[in-house]
Amino acid sequence: MALVNKDLKRIIAYSTLSQLGYMF
């Protein structure tokens, strides 16, 4: 979802979501 998003903060938010997946 971060690949195509144009919102600066939302891209970083999706990155957080992705990294939380790594932690789990």
mmCIF file of all heavy atoms, coordinates in Angstrom:
data_MODEL
# 
_entry.id   MODEL 
# 
loop_
_atom_site.group_PDB 
_atom_site.id 
_atom_site.type_symbol 
_atom_site.label_atom_id 
_atom_site.label_alt_id 
_atom_site.label_comp_id 
_atom_site.label_asym_id 
_atom_site.label_entity_id 
_atom_site.label_seq_id 
_atom_site.pdbx_PDB_ins_code 
_atom_site.Cartn_x 
_atom_site.Cartn_y 
_atom_site.Cartn_z 
_atom_site.occupancy 
_atom_site.B_iso_or_equiv 
_atom_site.pdbx_formal_charge 
_atom_site.auth_seq_id 
_atom_site.auth_comp_id 
_atom_site.auth_asym_id 
_atom_site.auth_atom_id 
_atom_site.pdbx_PDB_model_num 
ATOM 1   N N   . MET A 1 1  ? 0.827  -1.212  0.000  1.00 0.00 ? 1  MET A N   1 
ATOM 2   C CA  . MET A 1 1  ? 0.000  0.000   0.000  1.00 0.00 ? 1  MET A CA  1 
ATOM 3   C C   . MET A 1 1  ? 0.860  1.260   0.000  1.00 0.00 ? 1  MET A C   1 
ATOM 4   O O   . MET A 1 1  ? 0.462  2.294   -0.529 1.00 0.00 ? 1  MET A O   1 
ATOM 5   C CB  . MET A 1 1  ? -0.949 -0.004  1.207  1.00 0.00 ? 1  MET A CB  1 
ATOM 6   C CG  . MET A 1 1  ? -2.032 -1.066  1.103  1.00 0.00 ? 1  MET A CG  1 
ATOM 7   S SD  . MET A 1 1  ? -3.295 -0.938  2.387  1.00 0.00 ? 1  MET A SD  1 
ATOM 8   C CE  . MET A 1 1  ? -2.433 -1.575  3.805  1.00 0.00 ? 1  MET A CE  1 
ATOM 9   N N   . ALA A 1 2  ? 2.057  1.165   0.602  1.00 0.00 ? 2  ALA A N   1 
ATOM 10  C CA  . ALA A 1 2  ? 2.967  2.318   0.620  1.00 0.00 ? 2  ALA A CA  1 
ATOM 11  C C   . ALA A 1 2  ? 3.559  2.593   -0.761 1.00 0.00 ? 2  ALA A C   1 
ATOM 12  O O   . ALA A 1 2  ? 4.019  3.702   -1.024 1.00 0.00 ? 2  ALA A O   1 
ATOM 13  C CB  . ALA A 1 2  ? 4.087  2.067   1.622  1.00 0.00 ? 2  ALA A CB  1 
ATOM 14  N N   . LEU A 1 3  ? 3.543  1.589   -1.650 1.00 0.00 ? 3  LEU A N   1 
ATOM 15  C CA  . LEU A 1 3  ? 4.164  1.738   -2.976 1.00 0.00 ? 3  LEU A CA  1 
ATOM 16  C C   . LEU A 1 3  ? 3.524  2.833   -3.812 1.00 0.00 ? 3  LEU A C   1 
ATOM 17  O O   . LEU A 1 3  ? 4.201  3.483   -4.608 1.00 0.00 ? 3  LEU A O   1 
ATOM 18  C CB  . LEU A 1 3  ? 4.079  0.421   -3.757 1.00 0.00 ? 3  LEU A CB  1 
ATOM 19  C CG  . LEU A 1 3  ? 4.879  -0.764  -3.231 1.00 0.00 ? 3  LEU A CG  1 
ATOM 20  C CD1 . LEU A 1 3  ? 4.564  -2.002  -4.044 1.00 0.00 ? 3  LEU A CD1 1 
ATOM 21  C CD2 . LEU A 1 3  ? 6.369  -0.462  -3.256 1.00 0.00 ? 3  LEU A CD2 1 
ATOM 22  N N   . VAL A 1 4  ? 2.218  3.024   -3.661 1.00 0.00 ? 4  VAL A N   1 
ATOM 23  C CA  . VAL A 1 4  ? 1.498  3.938   -4.552 1.00 0.00 ? 4  VAL A CA  1 
ATOM 24  C C   . VAL A 1 4  ? 0.929  5.151   -3.832 1.00 0.00 ? 4  VAL A C   1 
ATOM 25  O O   . VAL A 1 4  ? 0.445  6.079   -4.479 1.00 0.00 ? 4  VAL A O   1 
ATOM 26  C CB  . VAL A 1 4  ? 0.346  3.201   -5.288 1.00 0.00 ? 4  VAL A CB  1 
ATOM 27  C CG1 . VAL A 1 4  ? 0.876  2.042   -6.117 1.00 0.00 ? 4  VAL A CG1 1 
ATOM 28  C CG2 . VAL A 1 4  ? -0.701 2.698   -4.301 1.00 0.00 ? 4  VAL A CG2 1 
ATOM 29  N N   . ASN A 1 5  ? 0.984  5.154   -2.499 1.00 0.00 ? 5  ASN A N   1 
ATOM 30  C CA  . ASN A 1 5  ? 0.372  6.263   -1.764 1.00 0.00 ? 5  ASN A CA  1 
ATOM 31  C C   . ASN A 1 5  ? 1.132  7.562   -2.003 1.00 0.00 ? 5  ASN A C   1 
ATOM 32  O O   . ASN A 1 5  ? 2.350  7.563   -2.155 1.00 0.00 ? 5  ASN A O   1 
ATOM 33  C CB  . ASN A 1 5  ? 0.345  5.945   -0.265 1.00 0.00 ? 5  ASN A CB  1 
ATOM 34  C CG  . ASN A 1 5  ? -0.757 6.683   0.456  1.00 0.00 ? 5  ASN A CG  1 
ATOM 35  O OD1 . ASN A 1 5  ? -0.659 7.876   0.681  1.00 0.00 ? 5  ASN A OD1 1 
ATOM 36  N ND2 . ASN A 1 5  ? -1.815 5.971   0.802  1.00 0.00 ? 5  ASN A ND2 1 
ATOM 37  N N   . LYS A 1 6  ? 0.404  8.661   -2.037 1.00 0.00 ? 6  LYS A N   1 
ATOM 38  C CA  . LYS A 1 6  ? 1.020  9.967   -2.307 1.00 0.00 ? 6  LYS A CA  1 
ATOM 39  C C   . LYS A 1 6  ? 1.079  10.861  -1.074 1.00 0.00 ? 6  LYS A C   1 
ATOM 40  O O   . LYS A 1 6  ? 1.634  11.947  -1.124 1.00 0.00 ? 6  LYS A O   1 
ATOM 41  C CB  . LYS A 1 6  ? 0.234  10.685  -3.411 1.00 0.00 ? 6  LYS A CB  1 
ATOM 42  C CG  . LYS A 1 6  ? 0.308  9.989   -4.757 1.00 0.00 ? 6  LYS A CG  1 
ATOM 43  C CD  . LYS A 1 6  ? -0.514 10.720  -5.805 1.00 0.00 ? 6  LYS A CD  1 
ATOM 44  C CE  . LYS A 1 6  ? -0.469 10.008  -7.144 1.00 0.00 ? 6  LYS A CE  1 
ATOM 45  N NZ  . LYS A 1 6  ? -1.287 10.706  -8.155 1.00 0.00 ? 6  LYS A NZ  1 
ATOM 46  N N   . ASP A 1 7  ? 0.484  10.409  0.011  1.00 0.00 ? 7  ASP A N   1 
ATOM 47  C CA  . ASP A 1 7  ? 0.465  11.191  1.244  1.00 0.00 ? 7  ASP A CA  1 
ATOM 48  C C   . ASP A 1 7  ? 1.747  10.938  2.034  1.00 0.00 ? 7  ASP A C   1 
ATOM 49  O O   . ASP A 1 7  ? 2.039  9.800   2.419  1.00 0.00 ? 7  ASP A O   1 
ATOM 50  C CB  . ASP A 1 7  ? -0.768 10.807  2.070  1.00 0.00 ? 7  ASP A CB  1 
ATOM 51  C CG  . ASP A 1 7  ? -0.955 11.686  3.293  1.00 0.00 ? 7  ASP A CG  1 
ATOM 52  O OD1 . ASP A 1 7  ? -0.056 11.707  4.158  1.00 0.00 ? 7  ASP A OD1 1 
ATOM 53  O OD2 . ASP A 1 7  ? -1.996 12.357  3.393  1.00 0.00 ? 7  ASP A OD2 1 
ATOM 54  N N   . LEU A 1 8  ? 2.511  11.987  2.277  1.00 0.00 ? 8  LEU A N   1 
ATOM 55  C CA  . LEU A 1 8  ? 3.822  11.876  2.918  1.00 0.00 ? 8  LEU A CA  1 
ATOM 56  C C   . LEU A 1 8  ? 3.758  11.099  4.229  1.00 0.00 ? 8  LEU A C   1 
ATOM 57  O O   . LEU A 1 8  ? 4.548  10.174  4.466  1.00 0.00 ? 8  LEU A O   1 
ATOM 58  C CB  . LEU A 1 8  ? 4.373  13.296  3.151  1.00 0.00 ? 8  LEU A CB  1 
ATOM 59  C CG  . LEU A 1 8  ? 5.701  13.427  3.889  1.00 0.00 ? 8  LEU A CG  1 
ATOM 60  C CD1 . LEU A 1 8  ? 6.815  12.742  3.129  1.00 0.00 ? 8  LEU A CD1 1 
ATOM 61  C CD2 . LEU A 1 8  ? 6.037  14.895  4.118  1.00 0.00 ? 8  LEU A CD2 1 
ATOM 62  N N   . LYS A 1 9  ? 2.827  11.458  5.095  1.00 0.00 ? 9  LYS A N   1 
ATOM 63  C CA  . LYS A 1 9  ? 2.754  10.825  6.409  1.00 0.00 ? 9  LYS A CA  1 
ATOM 64  C C   . LYS A 1 9  ? 2.178  9.419   6.341  1.00 0.00 ? 9  LYS A C   1 
ATOM 65  O O   . LYS A 1 9  ? 2.590  8.532   7.092  1.00 0.00 ? 9  LYS A O   1 
ATOM 66  C CB  . LYS A 1 9  ? 1.926  11.692  7.369  1.00 0.00 ? 9  LYS A CB  1 
ATOM 67  C CG  . LYS A 1 9  ? 2.662  12.932  7.838  1.00 0.00 ? 9  LYS A CG  1 
ATOM 68  C CD  . LYS A 1 9  ? 1.799  13.796  8.741  1.00 0.00 ? 9  LYS A CD  1 
ATOM 69  C CE  . LYS A 1 9  ? 1.485  13.109  10.041 1.00 0.00 ? 9  LYS A CE  1 
ATOM 70  N NZ  . LYS A 1 9  ? 0.658  13.946  10.933 1.00 0.00 ? 9  LYS A NZ  1 
ATOM 71  N N   . ARG A 1 10 ? 1.235  9.194   5.439  1.00 0.00 ? 10 ARG A N   1 
ATOM 72  C CA  . ARG A 1 10 ? 0.629  7.868   5.350  1.00 0.00 ? 10 ARG A CA  1 
ATOM 73  C C   . ARG A 1 10 ? 1.631  6.824   4.852  1.00 0.00 ? 10 ARG A C   1 
ATOM 74  O O   . ARG A 1 10 ? 1.571  5.658   5.251  1.00 0.00 ? 10 ARG A O   1 
ATOM 75  C CB  . ARG A 1 10 ? -0.606 7.891   4.444  1.00 0.00 ? 10 ARG A CB  1 
ATOM 76  C CG  . ARG A 1 10 ? -1.820 8.489   5.138  1.00 0.00 ? 10 ARG A CG  1 
ATOM 77  C CD  . ARG A 1 10 ? -2.986 8.662   4.182  1.00 0.00 ? 10 ARG A CD  1 
ATOM 78  N NE  . ARG A 1 10 ? -4.112 9.288   4.853  1.00 0.00 ? 10 ARG A NE  1 
ATOM 79  C CZ  . ARG A 1 10 ? -5.188 8.638   5.303  1.00 0.00 ? 10 ARG A CZ  1 
ATOM 80  N NH1 . ARG A 1 10 ? -5.283 7.341   5.132  1.00 0.00 ? 10 ARG A NH1 1 
ATOM 81  N NH2 . ARG A 1 10 ? -6.164 9.278   5.898  1.00 0.00 ? 10 ARG A NH2 1 
ATOM 82  N N   . ILE A 1 11 ? 2.529  7.223   3.963  1.00 0.00 ? 11 ILE A N   1 
ATOM 83  C CA  . ILE A 1 11 ? 3.561  6.294   3.492  1.00 0.00 ? 11 ILE A CA  1 
ATOM 84  C C   . ILE A 1 11 ? 4.390  5.818   4.683  1.00 0.00 ? 11 ILE A C   1 
ATOM 85  O O   . ILE A 1 11 ? 4.668  4.621   4.836  1.00 0.00 ? 11 ILE A O   1 
ATOM 86  C CB  . ILE A 1 11 ? 4.462  6.963   2.426  1.00 0.00 ? 11 ILE A CB  1 
ATOM 87  C CG1 . ILE A 1 11 ? 3.662  7.247   1.161  1.00 0.00 ? 11 ILE A CG1 1 
ATOM 88  C CG2 . ILE A 1 11 ? 5.670  6.081   2.109  1.00 0.00 ? 11 ILE A CG2 1 
ATOM 89  C CD1 . ILE A 1 11 ? 4.363  8.158   0.173  1.00 0.00 ? 11 ILE A CD1 1 
ATOM 90  N N   . ILE A 1 12 ? 4.782  6.759   5.535  1.00 0.00 ? 12 ILE A N   1 
ATOM 91  C CA  . ILE A 1 12 ? 5.586  6.407   6.710  1.00 0.00 ? 12 ILE A CA  1 
ATOM 92  C C   . ILE A 1 12 ? 4.747  5.574   7.687  1.00 0.00 ? 12 ILE A C   1 
ATOM 93  O O   . ILE A 1 12 ? 5.267  4.671   8.359  1.00 0.00 ? 12 ILE A O   1 
ATOM 94  C CB  . ILE A 1 12 ? 6.148  7.669   7.385  1.00 0.00 ? 12 ILE A CB  1 
ATOM 95  C CG1 . ILE A 1 12 ? 6.910  8.522   6.364  1.00 0.00 ? 12 ILE A CG1 1 
ATOM 96  C CG2 . ILE A 1 12 ? 7.081  7.301   8.528  1.00 0.00 ? 12 ILE A CG2 1 
ATOM 97  C CD1 . ILE A 1 12 ? 7.367  9.877   6.887  1.00 0.00 ? 12 ILE A CD1 1 
ATOM 98  N N   . ALA A 1 13 ? 3.437  5.847   7.754  1.00 0.00 ? 13 ALA A N   1 
ATOM 99  C CA  . ALA A 1 13 ? 2.552  5.066   8.626  1.00 0.00 ? 13 ALA A CA  1 
ATOM 100 C C   . ALA A 1 13 ? 2.452  3.617   8.147  1.00 0.00 ? 13 ALA A C   1 
ATOM 101 O O   . ALA A 1 13 ? 2.492  2.685   8.953  1.00 0.00 ? 13 ALA A O   1 
ATOM 102 C CB  . ALA A 1 13 ? 1.163  5.700   8.670  1.00 0.00 ? 13 ALA A CB  1 
ATOM 103 N N   . TYR A 1 14 ? 2.340  3.422   6.826  1.00 0.00 ? 14 TYR A N   1 
ATOM 104 C CA  . TYR A 1 14 ? 2.305  2.055   6.289  1.00 0.00 ? 14 TYR A CA  1 
ATOM 105 C C   . TYR A 1 14 ? 3.627  1.348   6.551  1.00 0.00 ? 14 TYR A C   1 
ATOM 106 O O   . TYR A 1 14 ? 3.667  0.134   6.785  1.00 0.00 ? 14 TYR A O   1 
ATOM 107 C CB  . TYR A 1 14 ? 1.998  2.064   4.792  1.00 0.00 ? 14 TYR A CB  1 
ATOM 108 C CG  . TYR A 1 14 ? 0.555  2.380   4.481  1.00 0.00 ? 14 TYR A CG  1 
ATOM 109 C CD1 . TYR A 1 14 ? 0.209  3.365   3.566  1.00 0.00 ? 14 TYR A CD1 1 
ATOM 110 C CD2 . TYR A 1 14 ? -0.477 1.673   5.100  1.00 0.00 ? 14 TYR A CD2 1 
ATOM 111 C CE1 . TYR A 1 14 ? -1.117 3.655   3.285  1.00 0.00 ? 14 TYR A CE1 1 
ATOM 112 C CE2 . TYR A 1 14 ? -1.806 1.961   4.829  1.00 0.00 ? 14 TYR A CE2 1 
ATOM 113 C CZ  . TYR A 1 14 ? -2.117 2.962   3.919  1.00 0.00 ? 14 TYR A CZ  1 
ATOM 114 O OH  . TYR A 1 14 ? -3.435 3.241   3.648  1.00 0.00 ? 14 TYR A OH  1 
ATOM 115 N N   . SER A 1 15 ? 4.713  2.125   6.530  1.00 0.00 ? 15 SER A N   1 
ATOM 116 C CA  . SER A 1 15 ? 6.014  1.557   6.853  1.00 0.00 ? 15 SER A CA  1 
ATOM 117 C C   . SER A 1 15 ? 6.038  1.072   8.301  1.00 0.00 ? 15 SER A C   1 
ATOM 118 O O   . SER A 1 15 ? 6.553  -0.009  8.603  1.00 0.00 ? 15 SER A O   1 
ATOM 119 C CB  . SER A 1 15 ? 7.090  2.626   6.639  1.00 0.00 ? 15 SER A CB  1 
ATOM 120 O OG  . SER A 1 15 ? 8.319  2.194   7.154  1.00 0.00 ? 15 SER A OG  1 
ATOM 121 N N   . THR A 1 16 ? 5.455  1.844   9.204  1.00 0.00 ? 16 THR A N   1 
ATOM 122 C CA  . THR A 1 16 ? 5.351  1.431   10.615 1.00 0.00 ? 16 THR A CA  1 
ATOM 123 C C   . THR A 1 16 ? 4.567  0.133   10.730 1.00 0.00 ? 16 THR A C   1 
ATOM 124 O O   . THR A 1 16 ? 4.973  -0.800  11.426 1.00 0.00 ? 16 THR A O   1 
ATOM 125 C CB  . THR A 1 16 ? 4.652  2.532   11.451 1.00 0.00 ? 16 THR A CB  1 
ATOM 126 O OG1 . THR A 1 16 ? 5.443  3.716   11.388 1.00 0.00 ? 16 THR A OG1 1 
ATOM 127 C CG2 . THR A 1 16 ? 4.474  2.105   12.891 1.00 0.00 ? 16 THR A CG2 1 
ATOM 128 N N   . LEU A 1 17 ? 3.460  0.077   10.017 1.00 0.00 ? 17 LEU A N   1 
ATOM 129 C CA  . LEU A 1 17 ? 2.615  -1.121  10.015 1.00 0.00 ? 17 LEU A CA  1 
ATOM 130 C C   . LEU A 1 17 ? 3.409  -2.329  9.541  1.00 0.00 ? 17 LEU A C   1 
ATOM 131 O O   . LEU A 1 17 ? 3.344  -3.416  10.133 1.00 0.00 ? 17 LEU A O   1 
ATOM 132 C CB  . LEU A 1 17 ? 1.418  -0.855  9.086  1.00 0.00 ? 17 LEU A CB  1 
ATOM 133 C CG  . LEU A 1 17 ? 0.223  -1.780  9.129  1.00 0.00 ? 17 LEU A CG  1 
ATOM 134 C CD1 . LEU A 1 17 ? -0.300 -1.943  10.533 1.00 0.00 ? 17 LEU A CD1 1 
ATOM 135 C CD2 . LEU A 1 17 ? -0.863 -1.229  8.219  1.00 0.00 ? 17 LEU A CD2 1 
ATOM 136 N N   . SER A 1 18 ? 4.185  -2.139  8.485  1.00 0.00 ? 18 SER A N   1 
ATOM 137 C CA  . SER A 1 18 ? 5.006  -3.212  7.932  1.00 0.00 ? 18 SER A CA  1 
ATOM 138 C C   . SER A 1 18 ? 6.068  -3.674  8.925  1.00 0.00 ? 18 SER A C   1 
ATOM 139 O O   . SER A 1 18 ? 6.271  -4.870  9.138  1.00 0.00 ? 18 SER A O   1 
ATOM 140 C CB  . SER A 1 18 ? 5.667  -2.725  6.630  1.00 0.00 ? 18 SER A CB  1 
ATOM 141 O OG  . SER A 1 18 ? 6.441  -3.746  6.056  1.00 0.00 ? 18 SER A OG  1 
ATOM 142 N N   . GLN A 1 19 ? 6.739  -2.715  9.581  1.00 0.00 ? 19 GLN A N   1 
ATOM 143 C CA  . GLN A 1 19 ? 7.791  -3.072  10.538 1.00 0.00 ? 19 GLN A CA  1 
ATOM 144 C C   . GLN A 1 19 ? 7.223  -3.737  11.788 1.00 0.00 ? 19 GLN A C   1 
ATOM 145 O O   . GLN A 1 19 ? 7.875  -4.590  12.403 1.00 0.00 ? 19 GLN A O   1 
ATOM 146 C CB  . GLN A 1 19 ? 8.601  -1.829  10.913 1.00 0.00 ? 19 GLN A CB  1 
ATOM 147 C CG  . GLN A 1 19 ? 9.355  -1.205  9.753  1.00 0.00 ? 19 GLN A CG  1 
ATOM 148 C CD  . GLN A 1 19 ? 10.205 -2.196  8.995  1.00 0.00 ? 19 GLN A CD  1 
ATOM 149 O OE1 . GLN A 1 19 ? 11.055 -2.874  9.567  1.00 0.00 ? 19 GLN A OE1 1 
ATOM 150 N NE2 . GLN A 1 19 ? 9.988  -2.299  7.683  1.00 0.00 ? 19 GLN A NE2 1 
ATOM 151 N N   . LEU A 1 20 ? 6.001  -3.375  12.166 1.00 0.00 ? 20 LEU A N   1 
ATOM 152 C CA  . LEU A 1 20 ? 5.341  -4.073  13.269 1.00 0.00 ? 20 LEU A CA  1 
ATOM 153 C C   . LEU A 1 20 ? 5.135  -5.540  12.912 1.00 0.00 ? 20 LEU A C   1 
ATOM 154 O O   . LEU A 1 20 ? 5.233  -6.423  13.768 1.00 0.00 ? 20 LEU A O   1 
ATOM 155 C CB  . LEU A 1 20 ? 3.994  -3.409  13.593 1.00 0.00 ? 20 LEU A CB  1 
ATOM 156 C CG  . LEU A 1 20 ? 4.070  -2.056  14.298 1.00 0.00 ? 20 LEU A CG  1 
ATOM 157 C CD1 . LEU A 1 20 ? 2.722  -1.344  14.237 1.00 0.00 ? 20 LEU A CD1 1 
ATOM 158 C CD2 . LEU A 1 20 ? 4.502  -2.208  15.744 1.00 0.00 ? 20 LEU A CD2 1 
ATOM 159 N N   . GLY A 1 21 ? 4.846  -5.786  11.633 1.00 0.00 ? 21 GLY A N   1 
ATOM 160 C CA  . GLY A 1 21 ? 4.730  -7.168  11.155 1.00 0.00 ? 21 GLY A CA  1 
ATOM 161 C C   . GLY A 1 21 ? 6.027  -7.932  11.370 1.00 0.00 ? 21 GLY A C   1 
ATOM 162 O O   . GLY A 1 21 ? 6.013  -9.086  11.838 1.00 0.00 ? 21 GLY A O   1 
ATOM 163 N N   . TYR A 1 22 ? 7.174  -7.298  11.063 1.00 0.00 ? 22 TYR A N   1 
ATOM 164 C CA  . TYR A 1 22 ? 8.477  -7.926  11.301 1.00 0.00 ? 22 TYR A CA  1 
ATOM 165 C C   . TYR A 1 22 ? 8.651  -8.281  12.771 1.00 0.00 ? 22 TYR A C   1 
ATOM 166 O O   . TYR A 1 22 ? 9.123  -9.371  13.128 1.00 0.00 ? 22 TYR A O   1 
ATOM 167 C CB  . TYR A 1 22 ? 9.600  -6.973  10.879 1.00 0.00 ? 22 TYR A CB  1 
ATOM 168 C CG  . TYR A 1 22 ? 9.939  -7.012  9.403  1.00 0.00 ? 22 TYR A CG  1 
ATOM 169 C CD1 . TYR A 1 22 ? 9.230  -6.251  8.481  1.00 0.00 ? 22 TYR A CD1 1 
ATOM 170 C CD2 . TYR A 1 22 ? 10.977 -7.810  8.939  1.00 0.00 ? 22 TYR A CD2 1 
ATOM 171 C CE1 . TYR A 1 22 ? 9.540  -6.285  7.132  1.00 0.00 ? 22 TYR A CE1 1 
ATOM 172 C CE2 . TYR A 1 22 ? 11.307 -7.844  7.580  1.00 0.00 ? 22 TYR A CE2 1 
ATOM 173 C CZ  . TYR A 1 22 ? 10.580 -7.081  6.679  1.00 0.00 ? 22 TYR A CZ  1 
ATOM 174 O OH  . TYR A 1 22 ? 10.893 -7.125  5.354  1.00 0.00 ? 22 TYR A OH  1 
ATOM 175 N N   . MET A 1 23 ? 8.264  -7.342  13.647 1.00 0.00 ? 23 MET A N   1 
ATOM 176 C CA  . MET A 1 23 ? 8.410  -7.582  15.093 1.00 0.00 ? 23 MET A CA  1 
ATOM 177 C C   . MET A 1 23 ? 7.572  -8.775  15.534 1.00 0.00 ? 23 MET A C   1 
ATOM 178 O O   . MET A 1 23 ? 8.013  -9.603  16.339 1.00 0.00 ? 23 MET A O   1 
ATOM 179 C CB  . MET A 1 23 ? 8.011  -6.338  15.881 1.00 0.00 ? 23 MET A CB  1 
ATOM 180 C CG  . MET A 1 23 ? 8.909  -5.137  15.661 1.00 0.00 ? 23 MET A CG  1 
ATOM 181 S SD  . MET A 1 23 ? 8.238  -3.676  16.505 1.00 0.00 ? 23 MET A SD  1 
ATOM 182 C CE  . MET A 1 23 ? 8.777  -2.364  15.428 1.00 0.00 ? 23 MET A CE  1 
ATOM 183 N N   . PHE A 1 24 ? 6.350  -8.883  15.008 1.00 0.00 ? 24 PHE A N   1 
ATOM 184 C CA  . PHE A 1 24 ? 5.475  -10.001 15.386 1.00 0.00 ? 24 PHE A CA  1 
ATOM 185 C C   . PHE A 1 24 ? 6.010  -11.323 14.853 1.00 0.00 ? 24 PHE A C   1 
ATOM 186 O O   . PHE A 1 24 ? 5.792  -12.371 15.474 1.00 0.00 ? 24 PHE A O   1 
ATOM 187 C CB  . PHE A 1 24 ? 4.046  -9.757  14.903 1.00 0.00 ? 24 PHE A CB  1 
ATOM 188 C CG  . PHE A 1 24 ? 3.218  -8.950  15.856 1.00 0.00 ? 24 PHE A CG  1 
ATOM 189 C CD1 . PHE A 1 24 ? 2.695  -7.725  15.479 1.00 0.00 ? 24 PHE A CD1 1 
ATOM 190 C CD2 . PHE A 1 24 ? 2.953  -9.407  17.134 1.00 0.00 ? 24 PHE A CD2 1 
ATOM 191 C CE1 . PHE A 1 24 ? 1.931  -6.970  16.365 1.00 0.00 ? 24 PHE A CE1 1 
ATOM 192 C CE2 . PHE A 1 24 ? 2.191  -8.663  18.030 1.00 0.00 ? 24 PHE A CE2 1 
ATOM 193 C CZ  . PHE A 1 24 ? 1.683  -7.448  17.637 1.00 0.00 ? 24 PHE A CZ  1 
# 
